[in-house]
């Protein structure tokens, strides 16, 4: 039985073979897909399977688990090996647009404060 690190319920645990077998619905299909991905990696790239697998799991935990799951499913469906690079090419990290320096005009607030001060003193 392989002994590698895996992500389960947001926590790291030992290999997909050690994940609970009594699961239902989407959780079951997700775990089966993860096991299939690892088995495919072991078959096609045995020396690098663990590394790819952990990097794919890290990608899922830092981007979107559902998008990584979809990417793995698409790769397996097209008989492609779900290496980290292949998954990364399908699951891109969203780019946050750069914001320019904003000019803030606080004159309206200054006027509000000065009018409140005049009321309290007058």
N, C-alpha and C. Protein backbone atom coordinates (compact mmCIF):
# COMPACT_ATOMS: atom_id res chain seq x y z
N UNK A 1 0.84 -1.17 0.00
CA UNK A 1 0.00 0.00 0.00
C UNK A 1 0.89 1.24 0.00
N UNK A 2 0.64 2.20 -0.92
CA UNK A 2 1.49 3.39 -0.98
C UNK A 2 1.35 4.23 0.28
N UNK A 3 2.42 4.86 0.64
CA UNK A 3 2.42 5.71 1.83
C UNK A 3 2.82 7.11 1.46
N UNK A 4 1.85 7.93 1.10
CA UNK A 4 2.12 9.32 0.75
C UNK A 4 1.12 10.22 1.45
N UNK A 5 1.36 11.49 1.35
CA UNK A 5 0.49 12.47 2.00
C UNK A 5 -0.69 12.76 1.09
N UNK A 6 -1.87 12.97 1.69
CA UNK A 6 -3.07 13.30 0.92
C UNK A 6 -3.91 14.31 1.69
N UNK A 7 -4.78 15.02 0.96
CA UNK A 7 -5.66 16.00 1.58
C UNK A 7 -7.03 15.36 1.75
N UNK A 8 -7.57 15.41 2.95
CA UNK A 8 -8.90 14.90 3.21
C UNK A 8 -9.59 15.82 4.20
N UNK A 9 -10.74 16.34 3.81
CA UNK A 9 -11.52 17.24 4.68
C UNK A 9 -10.68 18.40 5.18
N UNK A 10 -9.84 18.95 4.31
CA UNK A 10 -9.05 20.09 4.69
C UNK A 10 -7.85 19.77 5.57
N UNK A 11 -7.56 18.51 5.80
CA UNK A 11 -6.42 18.11 6.63
C UNK A 11 -5.55 17.12 5.86
N UNK A 12 -4.26 17.15 6.15
CA UNK A 12 -3.34 16.22 5.51
C UNK A 12 -3.43 14.88 6.22
N UNK A 13 -3.42 13.81 5.44
CA UNK A 13 -3.44 12.47 6.01
C UNK A 13 -2.60 11.55 5.11
N UNK A 14 -2.58 10.28 5.43
CA UNK A 14 -1.79 9.32 4.66
C UNK A 14 -2.57 8.88 3.44
N UNK A 15 -1.91 8.41 2.43
CA UNK A 15 -2.35 8.02 1.09
C UNK A 15 -3.84 7.82 0.86
N UNK A 16 -4.24 7.90 -0.42
CA UNK A 16 -5.65 7.73 -0.73
C UNK A 16 -6.19 6.37 -0.32
N UNK A 17 -5.33 5.38 -0.24
CA UNK A 17 -5.78 4.05 0.18
C UNK A 17 -6.24 4.07 1.64
N UNK A 18 -5.78 5.04 2.42
CA UNK A 18 -6.16 5.13 3.82
C UNK A 18 -7.37 6.02 4.06
N UNK A 19 -7.90 6.63 3.01
CA UNK A 19 -9.07 7.46 3.18
C UNK A 19 -10.26 6.58 3.55
N UNK A 20 -11.22 7.09 4.31
CA UNK A 20 -12.36 6.26 4.70
C UNK A 20 -13.08 5.68 3.49
N UNK A 21 -13.52 4.44 3.61
CA UNK A 21 -14.19 3.79 2.50
C UNK A 21 -15.70 3.93 2.60
N UNK A 22 -16.22 4.29 3.75
CA UNK A 22 -17.66 4.47 3.90
C UNK A 22 -17.97 5.95 3.74
N UNK A 23 -18.22 6.33 2.50
CA UNK A 23 -18.55 7.72 2.17
C UNK A 23 -19.68 7.70 1.17
N UNK A 24 -20.33 8.83 1.00
CA UNK A 24 -21.48 8.86 0.10
C UNK A 24 -21.37 10.00 -0.90
N UNK A 25 -22.14 9.92 -1.95
CA UNK A 25 -22.32 10.99 -2.92
C UNK A 25 -21.05 11.56 -3.50
N UNK A 26 -21.00 12.88 -3.53
CA UNK A 26 -19.90 13.62 -4.16
C UNK A 26 -18.56 13.33 -3.49
N UNK A 27 -18.57 13.17 -2.17
CA UNK A 27 -17.33 12.87 -1.46
C UNK A 27 -16.74 11.57 -1.97
N UNK A 28 -17.57 10.58 -2.19
CA UNK A 28 -17.11 9.28 -2.69
C UNK A 28 -16.51 9.43 -4.08
N UNK A 29 -17.20 10.12 -4.97
CA UNK A 29 -16.69 10.26 -6.34
C UNK A 29 -15.39 11.06 -6.35
N UNK A 30 -15.28 12.07 -5.48
CA UNK A 30 -14.05 12.87 -5.41
C UNK A 30 -12.90 12.00 -4.95
N UNK A 31 -13.10 11.19 -3.93
CA UNK A 31 -12.03 10.34 -3.43
C UNK A 31 -11.65 9.27 -4.44
N UNK A 32 -12.64 8.73 -5.13
CA UNK A 32 -12.33 7.74 -6.16
C UNK A 32 -11.52 8.37 -7.29
N UNK A 33 -11.86 9.60 -7.65
CA UNK A 33 -11.12 10.31 -8.69
C UNK A 33 -9.68 10.56 -8.26
N UNK A 34 -9.49 10.92 -6.99
CA UNK A 34 -8.15 11.14 -6.47
C UNK A 34 -7.34 9.84 -6.50
N UNK A 35 -7.98 8.75 -6.13
CA UNK A 35 -7.30 7.45 -6.16
C UNK A 35 -6.96 7.07 -7.61
N UNK A 36 -7.88 7.30 -8.53
CA UNK A 36 -7.61 7.01 -9.94
C UNK A 36 -6.45 7.86 -10.45
N UNK A 37 -6.41 9.12 -10.05
CA UNK A 37 -5.32 10.01 -10.48
C UNK A 37 -3.99 9.47 -9.97
N UNK A 38 -3.95 9.08 -8.70
CA UNK A 38 -2.71 8.57 -8.14
C UNK A 38 -2.30 7.26 -8.80
N UNK A 39 -3.26 6.37 -9.03
CA UNK A 39 -2.95 5.10 -9.70
C UNK A 39 -2.40 5.34 -11.11
N UNK A 40 -2.97 6.29 -11.83
CA UNK A 40 -2.50 6.61 -13.17
C UNK A 40 -1.08 7.18 -13.13
N UNK A 41 -0.83 8.06 -12.15
CA UNK A 41 0.52 8.61 -12.00
C UNK A 41 1.52 7.50 -11.70
N UNK A 42 1.16 6.58 -10.81
CA UNK A 42 2.07 5.46 -10.46
C UNK A 42 2.36 4.57 -11.66
N UNK A 43 1.35 4.38 -12.49
CA UNK A 43 1.51 3.52 -13.66
C UNK A 43 2.42 4.16 -14.71
N UNK A 44 2.24 5.46 -14.95
CA UNK A 44 2.95 6.13 -16.04
C UNK A 44 4.22 6.86 -15.62
N UNK A 45 4.31 7.27 -14.37
CA UNK A 45 5.49 7.99 -13.90
C UNK A 45 5.82 7.57 -12.47
N UNK A 46 6.19 6.31 -12.29
CA UNK A 46 6.38 5.79 -10.93
C UNK A 46 7.42 6.54 -10.09
N UNK A 47 8.47 7.06 -10.71
CA UNK A 47 9.50 7.77 -9.94
C UNK A 47 9.01 9.14 -9.45
N UNK A 48 8.05 9.71 -10.15
CA UNK A 48 7.60 11.07 -9.82
C UNK A 48 6.15 11.14 -9.37
N UNK A 49 5.49 10.00 -9.23
CA UNK A 49 4.06 9.98 -8.91
C UNK A 49 3.75 10.70 -7.60
N UNK A 50 4.51 10.42 -6.56
CA UNK A 50 4.25 11.05 -5.26
C UNK A 50 4.37 12.56 -5.34
N UNK A 51 5.41 13.02 -6.01
CA UNK A 51 5.64 14.46 -6.13
C UNK A 51 4.50 15.14 -6.88
N UNK A 52 4.10 14.58 -8.03
CA UNK A 52 3.00 15.15 -8.80
C UNK A 52 1.72 15.16 -7.97
N UNK A 53 1.48 14.06 -7.28
CA UNK A 53 0.25 13.90 -6.51
C UNK A 53 0.16 14.96 -5.41
N UNK A 54 1.22 15.14 -4.66
CA UNK A 54 1.22 16.12 -3.58
C UNK A 54 1.08 17.54 -4.14
N UNK A 55 1.73 17.81 -5.26
CA UNK A 55 1.62 19.14 -5.87
C UNK A 55 0.20 19.40 -6.39
N UNK A 56 -0.45 18.38 -6.93
CA UNK A 56 -1.84 18.52 -7.38
C UNK A 56 -2.74 18.79 -6.17
N UNK A 57 -2.52 18.06 -5.08
CA UNK A 57 -3.31 18.29 -3.86
C UNK A 57 -3.09 19.70 -3.32
N UNK A 58 -1.86 20.17 -3.37
CA UNK A 58 -1.57 21.53 -2.92
C UNK A 58 -2.28 22.54 -3.81
N UNK A 59 -2.28 22.29 -5.11
CA UNK A 59 -2.99 23.18 -6.05
C UNK A 59 -4.47 23.24 -5.70
N UNK A 60 -5.03 22.08 -5.36
CA UNK A 60 -6.46 22.04 -4.99
C UNK A 60 -6.71 22.84 -3.72
N UNK A 61 -5.80 22.75 -2.77
CA UNK A 61 -6.01 23.44 -1.49
C UNK A 61 -5.76 24.94 -1.59
N UNK A 62 -5.02 25.38 -2.60
CA UNK A 62 -4.72 26.81 -2.71
C UNK A 62 -5.53 27.52 -3.79
N UNK A 63 -6.24 26.77 -4.63
CA UNK A 63 -7.07 27.40 -5.66
C UNK A 63 -8.51 26.95 -5.46
N UNK A 64 -8.93 25.95 -6.18
CA UNK A 64 -10.31 25.47 -6.11
C UNK A 64 -10.31 23.95 -6.22
N UNK A 65 -10.77 23.29 -5.15
CA UNK A 65 -10.82 21.83 -5.17
C UNK A 65 -11.70 21.33 -6.31
N UNK A 66 -12.84 21.99 -6.53
CA UNK A 66 -13.75 21.52 -7.58
C UNK A 66 -13.14 21.70 -8.97
N UNK A 67 -12.38 22.77 -9.19
CA UNK A 67 -11.75 22.96 -10.50
C UNK A 67 -10.64 21.94 -10.72
N UNK A 68 -9.88 21.63 -9.68
CA UNK A 68 -8.84 20.60 -9.80
C UNK A 68 -9.49 19.25 -10.04
N UNK A 69 -10.57 18.98 -9.34
CA UNK A 69 -11.30 17.73 -9.54
C UNK A 69 -11.79 17.62 -10.98
N UNK A 70 -12.34 18.69 -11.52
CA UNK A 70 -12.81 18.70 -12.90
C UNK A 70 -11.65 18.48 -13.87
N UNK A 71 -10.52 19.14 -13.60
CA UNK A 71 -9.34 18.99 -14.46
C UNK A 71 -8.86 17.54 -14.46
N UNK A 72 -8.78 16.93 -13.28
CA UNK A 72 -8.36 15.52 -13.19
C UNK A 72 -9.33 14.64 -13.97
N UNK A 73 -10.62 14.88 -13.80
CA UNK A 73 -11.63 14.10 -14.52
C UNK A 73 -11.49 14.22 -16.03
N UNK A 74 -11.25 15.45 -16.51
CA UNK A 74 -11.07 15.65 -17.95
C UNK A 74 -9.82 14.94 -18.47
N UNK A 75 -8.74 15.04 -17.72
CA UNK A 75 -7.50 14.39 -18.15
C UNK A 75 -7.67 12.88 -18.20
N UNK A 76 -8.26 12.31 -17.17
CA UNK A 76 -8.47 10.85 -17.15
C UNK A 76 -9.42 10.42 -18.26
N UNK A 77 -10.46 11.22 -18.50
CA UNK A 77 -11.43 10.92 -19.55
C UNK A 77 -10.78 10.88 -20.93
N UNK A 78 -9.75 11.70 -21.12
CA UNK A 78 -9.04 11.75 -22.40
C UNK A 78 -7.75 10.92 -22.38
N UNK A 79 -7.67 9.99 -21.44
CA UNK A 79 -6.53 9.07 -21.29
C UNK A 79 -5.20 9.80 -21.17
N UNK A 80 -5.22 10.94 -20.47
CA UNK A 80 -3.99 11.69 -20.21
C UNK A 80 -3.61 11.52 -18.74
N UNK A 81 -2.33 11.59 -18.47
CA UNK A 81 -1.82 11.44 -17.11
C UNK A 81 -2.03 12.77 -16.37
N UNK A 82 -2.66 12.74 -15.20
CA UNK A 82 -2.93 13.97 -14.47
C UNK A 82 -1.71 14.47 -13.68
N UNK A 83 -0.66 14.85 -14.41
CA UNK A 83 0.53 15.39 -13.77
C UNK A 83 0.21 16.79 -13.26
N UNK A 84 1.09 17.30 -12.41
CA UNK A 84 0.88 18.65 -11.90
C UNK A 84 0.80 19.65 -13.03
N UNK A 85 1.71 19.54 -14.01
CA UNK A 85 1.73 20.50 -15.12
C UNK A 85 0.43 20.45 -15.92
N UNK A 86 -0.09 19.24 -16.16
CA UNK A 86 -1.33 19.11 -16.92
C UNK A 86 -2.50 19.72 -16.16
N UNK A 87 -2.56 19.49 -14.86
CA UNK A 87 -3.63 20.06 -14.04
C UNK A 87 -3.47 21.58 -13.97
N UNK A 88 -2.24 22.05 -13.76
CA UNK A 88 -1.98 23.48 -13.68
C UNK A 88 -2.41 24.20 -14.96
N UNK A 89 -2.19 23.57 -16.12
CA UNK A 89 -2.57 24.20 -17.38
C UNK A 89 -4.09 24.36 -17.50
N UNK A 90 -4.83 23.49 -16.82
CA UNK A 90 -6.29 23.59 -16.86
C UNK A 90 -6.87 24.45 -15.74
N UNK A 91 -6.15 24.54 -14.64
CA UNK A 91 -6.62 25.32 -13.49
C UNK A 91 -5.66 26.47 -13.26
N UNK A 92 -6.02 27.61 -13.74
CA UNK A 92 -5.17 28.79 -13.60
C UNK A 92 -5.54 29.56 -12.34
N UNK A 93 -4.54 30.12 -11.70
CA UNK A 93 -4.77 30.97 -10.55
C UNK A 93 -5.34 32.29 -11.06
N UNK A 94 -6.47 32.73 -10.50
CA UNK A 94 -7.05 33.98 -11.00
C UNK A 94 -6.11 35.16 -10.77
N UNK A 95 -6.01 36.01 -11.77
CA UNK A 95 -5.16 37.19 -11.67
C UNK A 95 -5.97 38.33 -11.06
N UNK A 96 -5.42 38.93 -10.04
CA UNK A 96 -6.07 40.05 -9.39
C UNK A 96 -5.61 41.32 -10.10
N UNK A 97 -6.56 42.11 -10.57
CA UNK A 97 -6.14 43.32 -11.30
C UNK A 97 -5.43 44.30 -10.38
N UNK A 98 -4.44 44.96 -10.93
CA UNK A 98 -3.70 45.97 -10.17
C UNK A 98 -4.55 47.23 -10.09
N UNK A 99 -4.63 47.78 -8.92
CA UNK A 99 -5.38 49.02 -8.73
C UNK A 99 -4.41 50.18 -8.68
N UNK A 100 -4.74 51.23 -9.39
CA UNK A 100 -3.91 52.42 -9.36
C UNK A 100 -4.14 53.19 -8.07
N UNK A 101 -3.33 54.17 -7.84
CA UNK A 101 -3.47 54.98 -6.66
C UNK A 101 -4.74 55.82 -6.79
N UNK A 102 -5.55 55.79 -5.78
CA UNK A 102 -6.82 56.50 -5.81
C UNK A 102 -6.66 57.85 -5.09
N UNK A 103 -7.28 58.86 -5.68
CA UNK A 103 -7.29 60.17 -5.04
C UNK A 103 -8.57 60.26 -4.21
N UNK A 104 -8.41 60.46 -2.93
CA UNK A 104 -9.55 60.54 -2.02
C UNK A 104 -9.74 61.99 -1.61
N UNK A 105 -10.93 62.49 -1.83
CA UNK A 105 -11.26 63.86 -1.45
C UNK A 105 -12.11 63.82 -0.18
N UNK A 106 -11.54 64.29 0.90
CA UNK A 106 -12.22 64.25 2.20
C UNK A 106 -12.87 65.58 2.56
N UNK A 107 -12.95 66.51 1.63
CA UNK A 107 -13.53 67.82 1.93
C UNK A 107 -14.97 67.72 2.41
N UNK A 108 -15.75 66.84 1.81
CA UNK A 108 -17.15 66.69 2.23
C UNK A 108 -17.23 66.23 3.68
N UNK A 109 -16.36 65.35 4.08
CA UNK A 109 -16.34 64.88 5.47
C UNK A 109 -15.85 65.98 6.41
N UNK A 110 -14.85 66.74 5.96
CA UNK A 110 -14.36 67.86 6.77
C UNK A 110 -15.47 68.88 7.00
N UNK A 111 -16.26 69.15 5.96
CA UNK A 111 -17.37 70.09 6.10
C UNK A 111 -18.42 69.56 7.07
N UNK A 112 -18.68 68.27 6.99
CA UNK A 112 -19.63 67.64 7.91
C UNK A 112 -19.16 67.79 9.36
N UNK A 113 -17.89 67.49 9.59
CA UNK A 113 -17.34 67.58 10.94
C UNK A 113 -17.38 69.01 11.45
N UNK A 114 -17.01 69.96 10.60
CA UNK A 114 -17.00 71.35 11.06
C UNK A 114 -18.41 71.86 11.32
N UNK A 115 -19.41 71.42 10.54
CA UNK A 115 -20.79 71.84 10.79
C UNK A 115 -21.32 71.21 12.08
N UNK A 116 -20.92 69.98 12.40
CA UNK A 116 -21.33 69.35 13.66
C UNK A 116 -20.68 70.04 14.85
N UNK A 117 -19.44 70.44 14.68
CA UNK A 117 -18.74 71.15 15.76
C UNK A 117 -19.40 72.50 16.02
N UNK A 118 -19.81 73.19 14.96
CA UNK A 118 -20.48 74.48 15.12
C UNK A 118 -21.82 74.32 15.84
N UNK A 119 -22.54 73.24 15.53
CA UNK A 119 -23.83 72.99 16.18
C UNK A 119 -23.63 72.72 17.68
N UNK A 120 -22.62 71.94 17.99
CA UNK A 120 -22.41 71.60 19.41
C UNK A 120 -21.91 72.78 20.21
N UNK A 121 -21.23 73.75 19.58
CA UNK A 121 -20.73 74.92 20.28
C UNK A 121 -21.70 76.10 20.20
N UNK A 122 -22.69 76.04 19.35
CA UNK A 122 -23.55 77.20 19.14
C UNK A 122 -24.85 77.13 19.76
